[in-house]
């Protein structure tokens, strides 16, 4: 299964380029082929939506989408000029967000770029040297911020019962299991939080679910509770399918850490490194 996962990731790594300053980028036309788009006209529409989303997030578009003219051979010693884009990792993430996630390769791309983009919030070196417990702290803080934003979006979309709304997402991701089912499976004590008792991989699965749901509720201008709950459930299922297709472990099969994050925080009051990680989280979320 790990070989399958590595192969899927390799598809996107193989078309990655590095410039003279060590910055990574992708070409839109190469990404288009991997995502199985046949026509530039259709893919360019997706790019334009992604650029709008970039601008809406208060990022400078030209930092992530750089238009280039290329000359390509069309046979008989002739060539013609075509347009292409140099894309940052974040640009690729926005593009696949605006593609159809029901297509397997799109779902895989969404998983890959979502996880990699979030890892980039810390540099690769910074993230890779973290212990599993430190990664959990980092991911848990992302979940808190993501859920805060998702709650606001859900309320604006007509949701009145947030507990039911969040259960819809859990049921999609965890094969029908509610938050209470997850609580029982993890054998937690009264009032313990299930999110404080997840490993970094399980938290990453939920970050993806949260971000995708938030984006779709906004993108589709959802305005009623029934549709919002349905969207959350369907996104959970799509994330679950993407994990399976990538050769990953289903979230309910991941091990529950021996200690909750609350316990770790209490035990490490004098741990300077852990305190610094917690402080740094404020900069990255």
C-alpha atoms as a PDB file:
ATOM      1  CA  UNK A   1       0.000   0.000   0.000  1.00  0.00           C
ATOM      2  CA  UNK A   2       2.897   2.372   0.757  1.00  0.00           C
ATOM      3  CA  UNK A   3       4.243   1.742  -2.752  1.00  0.00           C
ATOM      4  CA  UNK A   4       0.892   2.850  -4.206  1.00  0.00           C
ATOM      5  CA  UNK A   5       0.912   5.984  -2.082  1.00  0.00           C
ATOM      6  CA  UNK A   6       4.487   6.807  -3.107  1.00  0.00           C
ATOM      7  CA  UNK A   7       3.590   6.264  -6.775  1.00  0.00           C
ATOM      8  CA  UNK A   8       0.617   8.651  -6.544  1.00  0.00           C
ATOM      9  CA  UNK A   9       2.767  11.321  -4.898  1.00  0.00           C
ATOM     10  CA  UNK A  10       5.503  10.740  -7.481  1.00  0.00           C
ATOM     11  CA  UNK A  11       3.098  11.765 -10.254  1.00  0.00           C
ATOM     12  CA  UNK A  12       3.092  15.311  -8.873  1.00  0.00           C
ATOM     13  CA  UNK A  13       6.707  15.335  -7.750  1.00  0.00           C
ATOM     14  CA  UNK A  14       7.845  14.283 -11.245  1.00  0.00           C
ATOM     15  CA  UNK A  15       6.448  17.459 -12.828  1.00  0.00           C
ATOM     16  CA  UNK A  16       7.817  19.743 -10.120  1.00  0.00           C
ATOM     17  CA  UNK A  17      10.566  22.172 -11.150  1.00  0.00           C
ATOM     18  CA  UNK A  18      13.129  24.045  -9.056  1.00  0.00           C
ATOM     19  CA  UNK A  19      14.397  27.485 -10.072  1.00  0.00           C
ATOM     20  CA  UNK A  20      17.904  28.884  -9.546  1.00  0.00           C
ATOM     21  CA  UNK A  21      16.904  30.173  -6.101  1.00  0.00           C
ATOM     22  CA  UNK A  22      15.636  26.816  -4.937  1.00  0.00           C
ATOM     23  CA  UNK A  23      11.948  27.732  -5.282  1.00  0.00           C
ATOM     24  CA  UNK A  24       9.647  24.957  -6.456  1.00  0.00           C
ATOM     25  CA  UNK A  25       7.025  25.449  -9.149  1.00  0.00           C
ATOM     26  CA  UNK A  26       4.800  23.568 -11.555  1.00  0.00           C
ATOM     27  CA  UNK A  27       3.762  24.349 -15.134  1.00  0.00           C
ATOM     28  CA  UNK A  28       0.013  24.538 -15.654  1.00  0.00           C
ATOM     29  CA  UNK A  29       0.054  22.586 -18.912  1.00  0.00           C
ATOM     30  CA  UNK A  30       1.981  19.725 -17.320  1.00  0.00           C
ATOM     31  CA  UNK A  31      -0.376  19.702 -14.340  1.00  0.00           C
ATOM     32  CA  UNK A  32      -3.330  19.725 -16.738  1.00  0.00           C
ATOM     33  CA  UNK A  33      -2.154  16.454 -18.311  1.00  0.00           C
ATOM     34  CA  UNK A  34      -1.671  14.729 -14.956  1.00  0.00           C
ATOM     35  CA  UNK A  35      -5.162  15.850 -13.905  1.00  0.00           C
ATOM     36  CA  UNK A  36      -6.460  14.317 -17.155  1.00  0.00           C
ATOM     37  CA  UNK A  37      -7.833  17.521 -18.660  1.00  0.00           C
ATOM     38  CA  UNK A  38      -7.917  17.334 -22.452  1.00  0.00           C
ATOM     39  CA  UNK A  39      -8.520  20.986 -23.364  1.00  0.00           C
ATOM     40  CA  UNK A  40      -6.550  24.025 -22.261  1.00  0.00           C
ATOM     41  CA  UNK A  41      -9.684  26.153 -22.652  1.00  0.00           C
ATOM     42  CA  UNK A  42     -11.474  24.220 -19.904  1.00  0.00           C
ATOM     43  CA  UNK A  43      -8.449  24.014 -17.632  1.00  0.00           C
ATOM     44  CA  UNK A  44      -7.787  27.733 -18.033  1.00  0.00           C
ATOM     45  CA  UNK A  45     -11.269  28.424 -16.634  1.00  0.00           C
ATOM     46  CA  UNK A  46     -10.265  26.487 -13.504  1.00  0.00           C
ATOM     47  CA  UNK A  47      -7.062  28.534 -13.277  1.00  0.00           C
ATOM     48  CA  UNK A  48      -9.043  31.766 -13.448  1.00  0.00           C
ATOM     49  CA  UNK A  49     -11.275  30.612 -10.572  1.00  0.00           C
ATOM     50  CA  UNK A  50      -8.169  29.707  -8.564  1.00  0.00           C
ATOM     51  CA  UNK A  51      -6.726  33.175  -9.206  1.00  0.00           C
ATOM     52  CA  UNK A  52      -9.956  34.749  -7.958  1.00  0.00           C
ATOM     53  CA  UNK A  53      -9.716  32.624  -4.805  1.00  0.00           C
ATOM     54  CA  UNK A  54      -6.086  33.701  -4.363  1.00  0.00           C
ATOM     55  CA  UNK A  55      -7.049  37.351  -4.627  1.00  0.00           C
ATOM     56  CA  UNK A  56      -9.985  36.784  -2.265  1.00  0.00           C
ATOM     57  CA  UNK A  57      -7.564  35.412   0.324  1.00  0.00           C
ATOM     58  CA  UNK A  58      -5.549  38.651   0.118  1.00  0.00           C
ATOM     59  CA  UNK A  59      -2.550  37.027  -1.560  1.00  0.00           C
ATOM     60  CA  UNK A  60      -0.764  38.734  -4.447  1.00  0.00           C
ATOM     61  CA  UNK A  61      -1.728  36.744  -7.555  1.00  0.00           C
ATOM     62  CA  UNK A  62       1.584  37.275  -9.356  1.00  0.00           C
ATOM     63  CA  UNK A  63       3.430  35.650  -6.464  1.00  0.00           C
ATOM     64  CA  UNK A  64       1.666  32.383  -7.296  1.00  0.00           C
ATOM     65  CA  UNK A  65       0.545  32.553 -10.948  1.00  0.00           C
ATOM     66  CA  UNK A  66       3.165  33.756 -13.442  1.00  0.00           C
ATOM     67  CA  UNK A  67       1.994  33.921 -17.063  1.00  0.00           C
ATOM     68  CA  UNK A  68       4.555  32.780 -19.634  1.00  0.00           C
ATOM     69  CA  UNK A  69       4.639  32.553 -23.427  1.00  0.00           C
ATOM     70  CA  UNK A  70       6.172  29.393 -24.861  1.00  0.00           C
ATOM     71  CA  UNK A  71       7.059  28.321 -28.364  1.00  0.00           C
ATOM     72  CA  UNK A  72       6.036  24.756 -29.211  1.00  0.00           C
ATOM     73  CA  UNK A  73       6.745  22.727 -32.316  1.00  0.00           C
ATOM     74  CA  UNK A  74       3.729  21.849 -34.478  1.00  0.00           C
ATOM     75  CA  UNK A  75       5.662  19.899 -37.112  1.00  0.00           C
ATOM     76  CA  UNK A  76       7.215  20.704 -40.478  1.00  0.00           C
ATOM     77  CA  UNK A  77       9.847  22.857 -38.789  1.00  0.00           C
ATOM     78  CA  UNK A  78       7.200  25.316 -37.640  1.00  0.00           C
ATOM     79  CA  UNK A  79       6.213  26.439 -34.155  1.00  0.00           C
ATOM     80  CA  UNK A  80       3.607  28.569 -32.490  1.00  0.00           C
ATOM     81  CA  UNK A  81       3.308  30.578 -29.297  1.00  0.00           C
ATOM     82  CA  UNK A  82       1.158  29.240 -26.425  1.00  0.00           C
ATOM     83  CA  UNK A  83       0.377  30.554 -22.969  1.00  0.00           C
ATOM     84  CA  UNK A  84       1.342  28.727 -19.798  1.00  0.00           C
ATOM     85  CA  UNK A  85       1.611  29.520 -16.096  1.00  0.00           C
ATOM     86  CA  UNK A  86       4.344  28.915 -13.561  1.00  0.00           C
ATOM     87  CA  UNK A  87       2.457  27.874 -10.443  1.00  0.00           C
ATOM     88  CA  UNK A  88       3.453  27.858  -6.796  1.00  0.00           C
ATOM     89  CA  UNK A  89       2.419  24.961  -4.609  1.00  0.00           C
ATOM     90  CA  UNK A  90      -0.333  27.155  -3.186  1.00  0.00           C
ATOM     91  CA  UNK A  91      -1.558  27.942  -6.712  1.00  0.00           C
ATOM     92  CA  UNK A  92      -1.738  24.209  -7.469  1.00  0.00           C
ATOM     93  CA  UNK A  93      -3.694  23.716  -4.251  1.00  0.00           C
ATOM     94  CA  UNK A  94      -6.225  26.380  -5.277  1.00  0.00           C
ATOM     95  CA  UNK A  95      -6.528  24.897  -8.766  1.00  0.00           C
ATOM     96  CA  UNK A  96      -7.320  21.363  -7.607  1.00  0.00           C
ATOM     97  CA  UNK A  97      -9.732  22.815  -5.048  1.00  0.00           C
ATOM     98  CA  UNK A  98     -11.749  24.075  -8.005  1.00  0.00           C
ATOM     99  CA  UNK A  99     -11.737  20.749  -9.860  1.00  0.00           C
ATOM    100  CA  UNK A 100     -14.260  17.919  -9.502  1.00  0.00           C
ATOM    101  CA  UNK A 101     -13.215  15.840  -6.439  1.00  0.00           C
ATOM    102  CA  UNK A 102     -15.295  12.861  -7.587  1.00  0.00           C
ATOM    103  CA  UNK A 103     -12.628  12.147 -10.206  1.00  0.00           C
ATOM    104  CA  UNK A 104     -10.046   9.898  -8.586  1.00  0.00           C
ATOM    105  CA  UNK A 105      -6.934  11.726  -9.767  1.00  0.00           C
ATOM    106  CA  UNK A 106      -8.425  15.059  -8.666  1.00  0.00           C
ATOM    107  CA  UNK A 107      -9.147  13.702  -5.192  1.00  0.00           C
ATOM    108  CA  UNK A 108      -5.560  12.441  -4.984  1.00  0.00           C
ATOM    109  CA  UNK A 109      -4.246  15.819  -6.111  1.00  0.00           C
ATOM    110  CA  UNK A 110      -6.385  17.592  -3.508  1.00  0.00           C
ATOM    111  CA  UNK A 111      -4.972  15.334  -0.804  1.00  0.00           C
ATOM    112  CA  UNK A 112      -1.389  15.782  -1.982  1.00  0.00           C
ATOM    113  CA  UNK A 113      -1.418  19.562  -2.371  1.00  0.00           C
ATOM    114  CA  UNK A 114      -3.515  20.170   0.768  1.00  0.00           C
ATOM    115  CA  UNK A 115      -1.134  18.196   2.958  1.00  0.00           C
ATOM    116  CA  UNK A 116       1.996  19.561   1.306  1.00  0.00           C
ATOM    117  CA  UNK A 117       0.759  23.153   1.367  1.00  0.00           C
ATOM    118  CA  UNK A 118      -0.002  22.916   5.079  1.00  0.00           C
ATOM    119  CA  UNK A 119       3.403  21.388   5.720  1.00  0.00           C
ATOM    120  CA  UNK A 120       4.885  24.386   3.922  1.00  0.00           C
ATOM    121  CA  UNK A 121       3.402  26.686   6.580  1.00  0.00           C
ATOM    122  CA  UNK A 122       6.377  25.475   8.535  1.00  0.00           C
ATOM    123  CA  UNK A 123       9.424  24.895   6.373  1.00  0.00           C
ATOM    124  CA  UNK A 124      10.077  21.251   5.514  1.00  0.00           C
ATOM    125  CA  UNK A 125      13.102  21.259   7.789  1.00  0.00           C
ATOM    126  CA  UNK A 126      11.170  22.756  10.689  1.00  0.00           C
ATOM    127  CA  UNK A 127       8.310  20.289  10.317  1.00  0.00           C
ATOM    128  CA  UNK A 128      10.450  17.191   9.825  1.00  0.00           C
ATOM    129  CA  UNK A 129      12.462  17.707  13.002  1.00  0.00           C
ATOM    130  CA  UNK A 130       9.344  17.915  15.164  1.00  0.00           C
ATOM    131  CA  UNK A 131       8.539  14.913  17.317  1.00  0.00           C
ATOM    132  CA  UNK A 132       5.178  13.191  16.835  1.00  0.00           C
ATOM    133  CA  UNK A 133       3.811  14.994  19.908  1.00  0.00           C
ATOM    134  CA  UNK A 134       4.969  18.355  18.544  1.00  0.00           C
ATOM    135  CA  UNK A 135       3.370  17.572  15.184  1.00  0.00           C
ATOM    136  CA  UNK A 136       0.158  16.767  17.040  1.00  0.00           C
ATOM    137  CA  UNK A 137       0.253  20.162  18.751  1.00  0.00           C
ATOM    138  CA  UNK A 138       0.822  21.870  15.435  1.00  0.00           C
ATOM    139  CA  UNK A 139      -2.007  19.989  13.698  1.00  0.00           C
ATOM    140  CA  UNK A 140      -4.389  20.414  16.638  1.00  0.00           C
ATOM    141  CA  UNK A 141      -3.953  24.161  16.498  1.00  0.00           C
ATOM    142  CA  UNK A 142      -4.713  24.088  12.768  1.00  0.00           C
ATOM    143  CA  UNK A 143      -7.897  22.130  13.501  1.00  0.00           C
ATOM    144  CA  UNK A 144      -8.964  24.689  16.112  1.00  0.00           C
ATOM    145  CA  UNK A 145      -8.461  27.558  13.674  1.00  0.00           C
ATOM    146  CA  UNK A 146     -10.120  25.609  10.849  1.00  0.00           C
ATOM    147  CA  UNK A 147     -13.155  24.703  12.949  1.00  0.00           C
ATOM    148  CA  UNK A 148     -13.512  28.305  14.085  1.00  0.00           C
ATOM    149  CA  UNK A 149     -13.702  29.450  10.460  1.00  0.00           C
ATOM    150  CA  UNK A 150     -15.916  26.508   9.460  1.00  0.00           C
ATOM    151  CA  UNK A 151     -18.391  27.295  12.260  1.00  0.00           C
ATOM    152  CA  UNK A 152     -18.725  30.858  11.009  1.00  0.00           C
ATOM    153  CA  UNK A 153     -19.225  29.664   7.439  1.00  0.00           C
ATOM    154  CA  UNK A 154     -21.747  27.018   8.539  1.00  0.00           C
ATOM    155  CA  UNK A 155     -23.801  29.561  10.489  1.00  0.00           C
ATOM    156  CA  UNK A 156     -23.764  31.883   7.481  1.00  0.00           C
ATOM    157  CA  UNK A 157     -24.949  28.904   5.412  1.00  0.00           C
ATOM    158  CA  UNK A 158     -28.017  28.426   7.606  1.00  0.00           C
ATOM    159  CA  UNK A 159     -26.757  25.869  10.126  1.00  0.00           C
ATOM    160  CA  UNK A 160     -28.383  26.123  13.546  1.00  0.00           C
ATOM    161  CA  UNK A 161     -27.326  22.776  15.072  1.00  0.00           C
ATOM    162  CA  UNK A 162     -23.520  22.785  14.864  1.00  0.00           C
ATOM    163  CA  UNK A 163     -23.205  19.443  16.668  1.00  0.00           C
ATOM    164  CA  UNK A 164     -25.303  17.722  14.001  1.00  0.00           C
ATOM    165  CA  UNK A 165     -23.362  19.549  11.275  1.00  0.00           C
ATOM    166  CA  UNK A 166     -19.997  18.331  12.601  1.00  0.00           C
ATOM    167  CA  UNK A 167     -21.345  14.812  13.070  1.00  0.00           C
ATOM    168  CA  UNK A 168     -22.268  14.776   9.385  1.00  0.00           C
ATOM    169  CA  UNK A 169     -18.615  15.369   8.523  1.00  0.00           C
ATOM    170  CA  UNK A 170     -17.391  12.716  10.934  1.00  0.00           C
ATOM    171  CA  UNK A 171     -19.897  10.204   9.553  1.00  0.00           C
ATOM    172  CA  UNK A 172     -18.631  10.770   6.035  1.00  0.00           C
ATOM    173  CA  UNK A 173     -14.961  10.483   6.988  1.00  0.00           C
ATOM    174  CA  UNK A 174     -15.307   7.691   9.559  1.00  0.00           C
ATOM    175  CA  UNK A 175     -17.602   5.360   7.618  1.00  0.00           C
ATOM    176  CA  UNK A 176     -20.797   6.259   9.496  1.00  0.00           C
ATOM    177  CA  UNK A 177     -19.285   6.837  12.936  1.00  0.00           C
ATOM    178  CA  UNK A 178     -20.383   9.912  14.888  1.00  0.00           C
ATOM    179  CA  UNK A 179     -18.245  11.919  17.310  1.00  0.00           C
ATOM    180  CA  UNK A 180     -19.733   9.828  20.140  1.00  0.00           C
ATOM    181  CA  UNK A 181     -18.784   6.610  18.328  1.00  0.00           C
ATOM    182  CA  UNK A 182     -15.219   7.871  17.903  1.00  0.00           C
ATOM    183  CA  UNK A 183     -15.150   8.830  21.595  1.00  0.00           C
ATOM    184  CA  UNK A 184     -16.182   5.307  22.587  1.00  0.00           C
ATOM    185  CA  UNK A 185     -13.765   3.635  20.169  1.00  0.00           C
ATOM    186  CA  UNK A 186     -10.898   5.607  21.649  1.00  0.00           C
ATOM    187  CA  UNK A 187     -12.091   4.627  25.163  1.00  0.00           C
ATOM    188  CA  UNK A 188     -11.837   8.188  26.433  1.00  0.00           C
ATOM    189  CA  UNK A 189     -12.782   9.481  29.839  1.00  0.00           C
ATOM    190  CA  UNK A 190     -15.718  11.774  30.509  1.00  0.00           C
ATOM    191  CA  UNK A 191     -15.349  15.199  28.850  1.00  0.00           C
ATOM    192  CA  UNK A 192     -12.139  14.283  27.022  1.00  0.00           C
ATOM    193  CA  UNK A 193     -11.920  15.794  23.539  1.00  0.00           C
ATOM    194  CA  UNK A 194     -11.554  13.341  20.648  1.00  0.00           C
ATOM    195  CA  UNK A 195      -9.338  15.803  18.741  1.00  0.00           C
ATOM    196  CA  UNK A 196      -6.904  15.972  21.671  1.00  0.00           C
ATOM    197  CA  UNK A 197      -6.569  12.201  21.375  1.00  0.00           C
ATOM    198  CA  UNK A 198      -5.650  11.935  17.706  1.00  0.00           C
ATOM    199  CA  UNK A 199      -2.215  11.413  16.182  1.00  0.00           C
ATOM    200  CA  UNK A 200      -0.810  13.856  13.627  1.00  0.00           C
ATOM    201  CA  UNK A 201      -1.995  11.772  10.650  1.00  0.00           C
ATOM    202  CA  UNK A 202      -5.578  11.544  11.886  1.00  0.00           C
ATOM    203  CA  UNK A 203      -5.572  15.267  12.626  1.00  0.00           C
ATOM    204  CA  UNK A 204      -4.304  15.933   9.080  1.00  0.00           C
ATOM    205  CA  UNK A 205      -7.235  13.911   7.687  1.00  0.00           C
ATOM    206  CA  UNK A 206      -9.638  16.111   9.631  1.00  0.00           C
ATOM    207  CA  UNK A 207      -7.877  19.327   8.608  1.00  0.00           C
ATOM    208  CA  UNK A 208      -8.458  18.345   4.990  1.00  0.00           C
ATOM    209  CA  UNK A 209     -12.141  17.591   5.685  1.00  0.00           C
ATOM    210  CA  UNK A 210     -12.616  20.919   7.460  1.00  0.00           C
ATOM    211  CA  UNK A 211     -10.857  23.009   4.790  1.00  0.00           C
ATOM    212  CA  UNK A 212     -12.650  21.319   1.891  1.00  0.00           C
ATOM    213  CA  UNK A 213     -16.069  21.749   3.527  1.00  0.00           C
ATOM    214  CA  UNK A 214     -15.444  25.400   4.335  1.00  0.00           C
ATOM    215  CA  UNK A 215     -14.388  26.049   0.729  1.00  0.00           C
ATOM    216  CA  UNK A 216     -17.365  24.253  -0.819  1.00  0.00           C
ATOM    217  CA  UNK A 217     -19.965  25.929   1.400  1.00  0.00           C
ATOM    218  CA  UNK A 218     -18.584  29.296   0.295  1.00  0.00           C
ATOM    219  CA  UNK A 219     -18.101  28.308  -3.343  1.00  0.00           C
ATOM    220  CA  UNK A 220     -21.648  26.943  -3.703  1.00  0.00           C
ATOM    221  CA  UNK A 221     -23.246  29.752  -1.661  1.00  0.00           C
ATOM    222  CA  UNK A 222     -25.094  27.191   0.466  1.00  0.00           C
ATOM    223  CA  UNK A 223     -28.009  28.815   2.286  1.00  0.00           C
ATOM    224  CA  UNK A 224     -29.812  26.064   4.202  1.00  0.00           C
ATOM    225  CA  UNK A 225     -28.996  23.603   6.968  1.00  0.00           C
ATOM    226  CA  UNK A 226     -29.968  20.422   5.119  1.00  0.00           C
ATOM    227  CA  UNK A 227     -27.647  21.165   2.188  1.00  0.00           C
ATOM    228  CA  UNK A 228     -24.816  22.264   4.503  1.00  0.00           C
ATOM    229  CA  UNK A 229     -25.023  18.980   6.438  1.00  0.00           C
ATOM    230  CA  UNK A 230     -25.120  17.035   3.166  1.00  0.00           C
ATOM    231  CA  UNK A 231     -22.059  18.891   1.875  1.00  0.00           C
ATOM    232  CA  UNK A 232     -20.117  18.098   5.056  1.00  0.00           C
ATOM    233  CA  UNK A 233     -21.058  14.418   4.836  1.00  0.00           C
ATOM    234  CA  UNK A 234     -20.131  14.170   1.147  1.00  0.00           C
ATOM    235  CA  UNK A 235     -16.804  15.926   1.668  1.00  0.00           C
ATOM    236  CA  UNK A 236     -16.033  13.490   4.477  1.00  0.00           C
ATOM    237  CA  UNK A 237     -16.715  10.595   2.093  1.00  0.00           C
ATOM    238  CA  UNK A 238     -14.562  12.163  -0.625  1.00  0.00           C
ATOM    239  CA  UNK A 239     -11.647  12.604   1.798  1.00  0.00           C
ATOM    240  CA  UNK A 240     -12.061   9.001   2.918  1.00  0.00           C
ATOM    241  CA  UNK A 241     -11.989   7.820  -0.696  1.00  0.00           C
ATOM    242  CA  UNK A 242      -8.880   9.906  -1.389  1.00  0.00           C
ATOM    243  CA  UNK A 243      -7.101   8.328   1.604  1.00  0.00           C
ATOM    244  CA  UNK A 244      -8.001   4.866   0.318  1.00  0.00           C
ATOM    245  CA  UNK A 245      -6.893   5.664  -3.226  1.00  0.00           C
ATOM    246  CA  UNK A 246      -3.590   7.040  -1.922  1.00  0.00           C
ATOM    247  CA  UNK A 247      -2.958   3.808  -0.005  1.00  0.00           C
ATOM    248  CA  UNK A 248      -3.366   5.449   3.393  1.00  0.00           C
ATOM    249  CA  UNK A 249      -4.776   4.078   6.643  1.00  0.00           C
ATOM    250  CA  UNK A 250      -8.424   4.747   7.372  1.00  0.00           C
ATOM    251  CA  UNK A 251      -8.749   7.264  10.240  1.00  0.00           C
ATOM    252  CA  UNK A 252     -10.653   4.851  12.503  1.00  0.00           C
ATOM    253  CA  UNK A 253      -7.786   2.352  12.132  1.00  0.00           C
ATOM    254  CA  UNK A 254      -5.080   4.773  13.239  1.00  0.00           C
ATOM    255  CA  UNK A 255      -3.754   4.248  16.748  1.00  0.00           C
ATOM    256  CA  UNK A 256      -4.907   6.496  19.565  1.00  0.00           C
ATOM    257  CA  UNK A 257      -1.896   8.128  21.284  1.00  0.00           C
ATOM    258  CA  UNK A 258      -1.162   7.028  24.832  1.00  0.00           C
ATOM    259  CA  UNK A 259      -1.536  10.558  26.161  1.00  0.00           C
ATOM    260  CA  UNK A 260      -3.915  13.348  25.252  1.00  0.00           C
ATOM    261  CA  UNK A 261      -2.559  16.742  24.257  1.00  0.00           C
ATOM    262  CA  UNK A 262      -3.927  18.185  27.494  1.00  0.00           C
ATOM    263  CA  UNK A 263      -1.832  15.698  29.462  1.00  0.00           C
ATOM    264  CA  UNK A 264       1.246  16.473  27.382  1.00  0.00           C
ATOM    265  CA  UNK A 265       0.855  20.187  27.916  1.00  0.00           C
ATOM    266  CA  UNK A 266       0.611  19.681  31.694  1.00  0.00           C
ATOM    267  CA  UNK A 267       3.611  17.362  31.794  1.00  0.00           C
ATOM    268  CA  UNK A 268       5.770  19.666  29.675  1.00  0.00           C
ATOM    269  CA  UNK A 269       5.272  22.992  31.413  1.00  0.00           C
ATOM    270  CA  UNK A 270       9.045  23.225  31.803  1.00  0.00           C
ATOM    271  CA  UNK A 271       9.856  21.894  28.323  1.00  0.00           C
ATOM    272  CA  UNK A 272      11.263  24.991  26.583  1.00  0.00           C
ATOM    273  CA  UNK A 273      11.255  23.379  23.130  1.00  0.00           C
ATOM    274  CA  UNK A 274       7.597  22.405  23.411  1.00  0.00           C
ATOM    275  CA  UNK A 275       6.706  25.875  24.680  1.00  0.00           C
ATOM    276  CA  UNK A 276       8.471  27.398  21.681  1.00  0.00           C
ATOM    277  CA  UNK A 277       6.535  25.120  19.313  1.00  0.00           C
ATOM    278  CA  UNK A 278       3.285  26.284  20.903  1.00  0.00           C
ATOM    279  CA  UNK A 279       4.314  29.937  20.542  1.00  0.00           C
ATOM    280  CA  UNK A 280       5.340  29.412  16.927  1.00  0.00           C
ATOM    281  CA  UNK A 281       1.906  28.007  16.154  1.00  0.00           C
ATOM    282  CA  UNK A 282       0.485  31.496  16.565  1.00  0.00           C
ATOM    283  CA  UNK A 283       2.593  32.632  13.604  1.00  0.00           C
ATOM    284  CA  UNK A 284       1.576  29.824  11.282  1.00  0.00           C
ATOM    285  CA  UNK A 285      -2.187  29.597  11.849  1.00  0.00           C
END
